[in-house]
N, C-alpha and C. Protein backbone atom coordinates (compact mmCIF):
# COMPACT_ATOMS: atom_id res chain seq x y z
N MET A 1 2.16 -7.36 20.07
CA MET A 1 3.58 -7.57 19.38
C MET A 1 3.74 -6.15 19.12
N ALA A 2 4.61 -5.44 19.28
CA ALA A 2 5.25 -4.12 19.21
C ALA A 2 6.52 -4.16 17.93
N TRP A 3 6.55 -3.51 17.04
CA TRP A 3 7.73 -3.80 16.32
C TRP A 3 8.16 -2.42 16.33
N VAL A 4 10.18 -2.22 15.81
CA VAL A 4 10.19 -0.96 16.06
C VAL A 4 11.08 -0.73 14.49
N ALA A 5 11.83 0.42 14.74
CA ALA A 5 12.02 0.67 13.02
C ALA A 5 13.39 -0.34 12.53
N GLY A 6 12.95 -1.13 11.72
CA GLY A 6 14.70 -1.89 10.72
C GLY A 6 14.35 -3.83 11.47
N ASP A 7 12.95 -3.56 12.15
CA ASP A 7 12.09 -4.80 11.82
C ASP A 7 11.86 -5.44 10.63
N ARG A 8 12.27 -6.95 10.76
CA ARG A 8 11.95 -6.92 8.90
C ARG A 8 10.69 -8.12 9.71
N LEU A 9 10.03 -8.18 8.38
CA LEU A 9 8.47 -9.31 8.01
C LEU A 9 8.53 -10.23 6.96
N GLN A 10 8.06 -11.51 7.10
CA GLN A 10 8.39 -12.21 5.82
C GLN A 10 8.94 -12.58 5.39
N GLY A 11 10.43 -13.10 6.63
CA GLY A 11 11.30 -13.71 5.72
C GLY A 11 12.78 -12.32 5.59
N GLY A 12 12.04 -10.92 5.79
CA GLY A 12 13.20 -10.36 5.33
C GLY A 12 12.16 -9.21 4.34
N LYS A 13 11.41 -9.51 3.18
CA LYS A 13 10.21 -9.12 2.69
C LYS A 13 10.21 -7.75 2.90
N TYR A 14 9.95 -6.96 3.84
CA TYR A 14 8.98 -5.84 4.37
C TYR A 14 10.57 -5.42 5.54
N THR A 15 10.35 -4.13 6.04
CA THR A 15 11.58 -3.30 6.76
C THR A 15 10.54 -2.51 7.64
N ILE A 16 10.60 -2.76 8.60
CA ILE A 16 9.66 -1.39 9.54
C ILE A 16 9.73 -0.28 9.18
N GLU A 17 9.55 0.72 8.96
CA GLU A 17 9.89 2.29 8.90
C GLU A 17 9.89 2.85 10.07
N LYS A 18 8.66 3.03 10.81
CA LYS A 18 8.26 3.79 11.73
C LYS A 18 6.55 3.34 12.56
N GLU A 19 6.37 3.85 13.67
CA GLU A 19 5.17 3.41 13.22
C GLU A 19 4.13 4.74 13.33
N LEU A 20 3.24 4.43 12.61
CA LEU A 20 2.43 5.85 12.44
C LEU A 20 0.88 6.40 13.40
N GLY A 21 1.06 5.08 14.55
CA GLY A 21 0.15 5.48 14.97
C GLY A 21 -1.02 4.46 16.44
N ARG A 22 -0.95 4.63 17.08
CA ARG A 22 -2.25 3.72 18.07
C ARG A 22 -3.34 3.77 18.14
N GLY A 23 -4.29 3.33 18.01
CA GLY A 23 -5.80 3.32 18.13
C GLY A 23 -6.36 2.56 19.16
N ARG A 24 -7.80 2.22 19.36
CA ARG A 24 -8.23 1.46 20.11
C ARG A 24 -8.44 0.06 19.28
N PHE A 25 -8.09 -0.11 18.02
CA PHE A 25 -8.10 -1.40 18.06
C PHE A 25 -6.79 -2.53 17.59
N GLY A 26 -5.64 -1.66 17.50
CA GLY A 26 -4.90 -1.74 16.90
C GLY A 26 -3.63 -0.55 16.84
N VAL A 27 -2.21 -1.27 16.29
CA VAL A 27 -0.86 -0.32 15.84
C VAL A 27 -1.06 -0.32 14.37
N THR A 28 -0.46 0.58 13.46
CA THR A 28 -0.61 1.46 11.71
C THR A 28 1.11 1.55 11.79
N TYR A 29 1.60 0.62 11.04
CA TYR A 29 3.17 1.09 10.70
C TYR A 29 3.55 1.48 9.00
N LYS A 30 4.37 2.37 8.80
CA LYS A 30 4.63 2.12 7.70
C LYS A 30 5.80 1.02 7.09
N ASP A 31 5.86 0.59 6.70
CA ASP A 31 7.10 -0.01 5.87
C ASP A 31 7.51 -0.34 4.25
N LEU A 32 8.69 -1.11 4.41
CA LEU A 32 9.11 -0.74 2.94
C LEU A 32 9.75 -2.57 2.72
N ASN A 33 9.06 -2.70 1.18
CA ASN A 33 9.82 -3.36 0.94
C ASN A 33 10.87 -2.87 -0.19
N PRO A 34 12.04 -3.34 0.32
CA PRO A 34 13.41 -3.00 -0.82
C PRO A 34 13.37 -3.22 -1.81
N GLN A 35 13.08 -4.32 -2.09
CA GLN A 35 13.51 -5.29 -3.63
C GLN A 35 12.58 -4.35 -4.60
N ILE A 36 11.64 -3.84 -4.24
CA ILE A 36 10.66 -2.97 -5.04
C ILE A 36 10.83 -1.53 -5.06
N SER A 37 10.72 -1.43 -4.06
CA SER A 37 10.91 0.24 -3.29
C SER A 37 9.53 1.00 -3.05
N ASP A 38 8.78 0.16 -2.60
CA ASP A 38 7.23 0.14 -2.33
C ASP A 38 6.55 0.15 -1.16
N ARG A 39 6.53 1.41 -0.51
CA ARG A 39 6.21 1.44 1.18
C ARG A 39 4.95 1.39 0.82
N THR A 40 4.38 0.85 2.58
CA THR A 40 3.22 0.64 2.54
C THR A 40 2.89 0.62 4.11
N ASN A 41 1.52 1.07 3.92
CA ASN A 41 0.83 1.11 6.05
C ASN A 41 0.60 -0.26 5.59
N ARG A 42 0.79 -0.89 7.46
CA ARG A 42 0.31 -2.22 8.29
C ARG A 42 -0.53 -1.85 9.19
N ALA A 43 -1.26 -2.26 9.31
CA ALA A 43 -2.63 -2.31 10.24
C ALA A 43 -2.05 -3.46 11.15
N ILE A 44 -1.95 -3.30 12.59
CA ILE A 44 -1.87 -5.10 12.60
C ILE A 44 -2.87 -4.58 14.23
N LEU A 45 -4.05 -5.88 14.38
CA LEU A 45 -4.77 -5.55 15.37
C LEU A 45 -4.42 -5.77 16.76
N THR A 46 -4.85 -5.14 17.76
CA THR A 46 -4.60 -5.89 19.27
C THR A 46 -5.02 -6.21 19.99
N GLY A 47 -5.18 -6.66 21.27
CA GLY A 47 -6.44 -6.17 22.06
C GLY A 47 -7.99 -7.07 21.82
N MET A 48 -8.27 -7.43 20.67
CA MET A 48 -9.62 -7.81 20.04
C MET A 48 -9.88 -9.50 19.80
N LYS A 49 -10.34 -9.69 21.05
CA LYS A 49 -11.02 -10.95 20.72
C LYS A 49 -12.50 -11.37 20.25
N LEU A 50 -11.90 -12.32 18.90
CA LEU A 50 -13.01 -12.28 18.44
C LEU A 50 -12.42 -13.56 17.94
N ASP A 51 -13.82 -14.28 17.59
CA ASP A 51 -14.03 -16.06 16.95
C ASP A 51 -13.43 -16.54 15.77
N PRO A 52 -13.43 -17.46 15.24
CA PRO A 52 -13.08 -17.58 14.24
C PRO A 52 -14.13 -16.73 13.04
N LYS A 53 -15.45 -16.95 13.40
CA LYS A 53 -16.32 -16.04 12.06
C LYS A 53 -16.10 -15.13 12.20
N GLN A 54 -16.26 -14.72 13.36
CA GLN A 54 -15.66 -13.27 13.47
C GLN A 54 -14.60 -12.40 13.05
N ARG A 55 -13.50 -13.25 13.21
CA ARG A 55 -12.34 -12.48 12.62
C ARG A 55 -11.70 -12.86 11.25
N SER A 56 -12.68 -14.43 10.39
CA SER A 56 -12.76 -13.83 8.82
C SER A 56 -13.66 -12.89 8.23
N GLN A 57 -15.20 -12.83 9.30
CA GLN A 57 -15.98 -11.03 8.73
C GLN A 57 -15.10 -10.52 8.44
N LEU A 58 -14.63 -9.82 9.41
CA LEU A 58 -13.43 -8.66 9.87
C LEU A 58 -12.71 -8.50 8.57
N TYR A 59 -11.55 -10.07 8.67
CA TYR A 59 -10.63 -9.74 6.92
C TYR A 59 -11.45 -9.58 5.61
N LEU A 60 -12.53 -10.13 5.45
CA LEU A 60 -13.48 -9.74 4.39
C LEU A 60 -13.38 -7.80 4.60
N ARG A 61 -14.53 -7.16 5.04
CA ARG A 61 -14.71 -5.70 5.40
C ARG A 61 -13.15 -5.61 4.64
N VAL A 62 -12.05 -6.08 5.73
CA VAL A 62 -10.82 -5.05 5.64
C VAL A 62 -10.09 -5.14 3.93
N ILE A 63 -10.77 -6.04 3.54
CA ILE A 63 -9.70 -6.48 1.89
C ILE A 63 -10.50 -5.38 1.29
N THR A 64 -12.46 -5.89 1.31
CA THR A 64 -13.19 -5.54 0.29
C THR A 64 -12.76 -3.53 0.92
N ALA A 65 -12.77 -2.92 1.46
CA ALA A 65 -12.01 -1.71 1.59
C ALA A 65 -11.36 -1.38 1.37
N ALA A 66 -10.21 -2.11 1.29
CA ALA A 66 -8.65 -1.42 0.94
C ALA A 66 -8.86 -1.75 -0.58
N ASN A 67 -9.24 -2.55 -1.25
CA ASN A 67 -9.03 -2.87 -2.71
C ASN A 67 -10.15 -1.44 -3.19
N LEU A 68 -10.99 -1.11 -2.82
CA LEU A 68 -11.64 -0.26 -2.95
C LEU A 68 -10.99 1.19 -2.96
N TYR A 69 -9.98 1.86 -1.72
CA TYR A 69 -9.24 3.08 -1.73
C TYR A 69 -8.18 3.01 -2.36
N ALA A 70 -7.65 1.60 -2.14
CA ALA A 70 -5.85 1.63 -2.68
C ALA A 70 -6.03 0.76 -3.98
N GLY A 71 -6.78 -0.27 -3.97
CA GLY A 71 -6.48 -1.57 -5.04
C GLY A 71 -5.52 -2.42 -4.54
N HIS A 72 -4.81 -2.25 -3.57
CA HIS A 72 -3.98 -3.28 -3.12
C HIS A 72 -3.44 -3.35 -1.45
N LEU A 73 -3.42 -5.03 -0.51
CA LEU A 73 -3.22 -4.82 0.43
C LEU A 73 -2.41 -5.83 0.68
N SER A 74 -1.46 -5.62 1.25
CA SER A 74 -0.56 -7.02 2.04
C SER A 74 -1.24 -7.63 3.85
N CYS A 75 -1.48 -8.76 3.16
CA CYS A 75 -1.61 -9.13 4.63
C CYS A 75 -1.13 -10.17 5.71
N THR A 76 -0.23 -9.85 6.29
CA THR A 76 0.35 -10.92 7.16
C THR A 76 -0.06 -11.54 8.65
């Protein structure tokens, strides 16, 4: 799934501002939560075939890394 500027996520809570880049595992976007004027980067994994256990392990690693470096993470 590819988003473009102006696409809204989570019932309109976030608005995609632009695509930041594409890599081997996915696409990264810059988005905005206009209610609190908060901008975040959102990485979307694509093309990875993971079983439920692998997906859970990857999710935990991403959350841990994000908390170490940014202090917060929004997962959709």
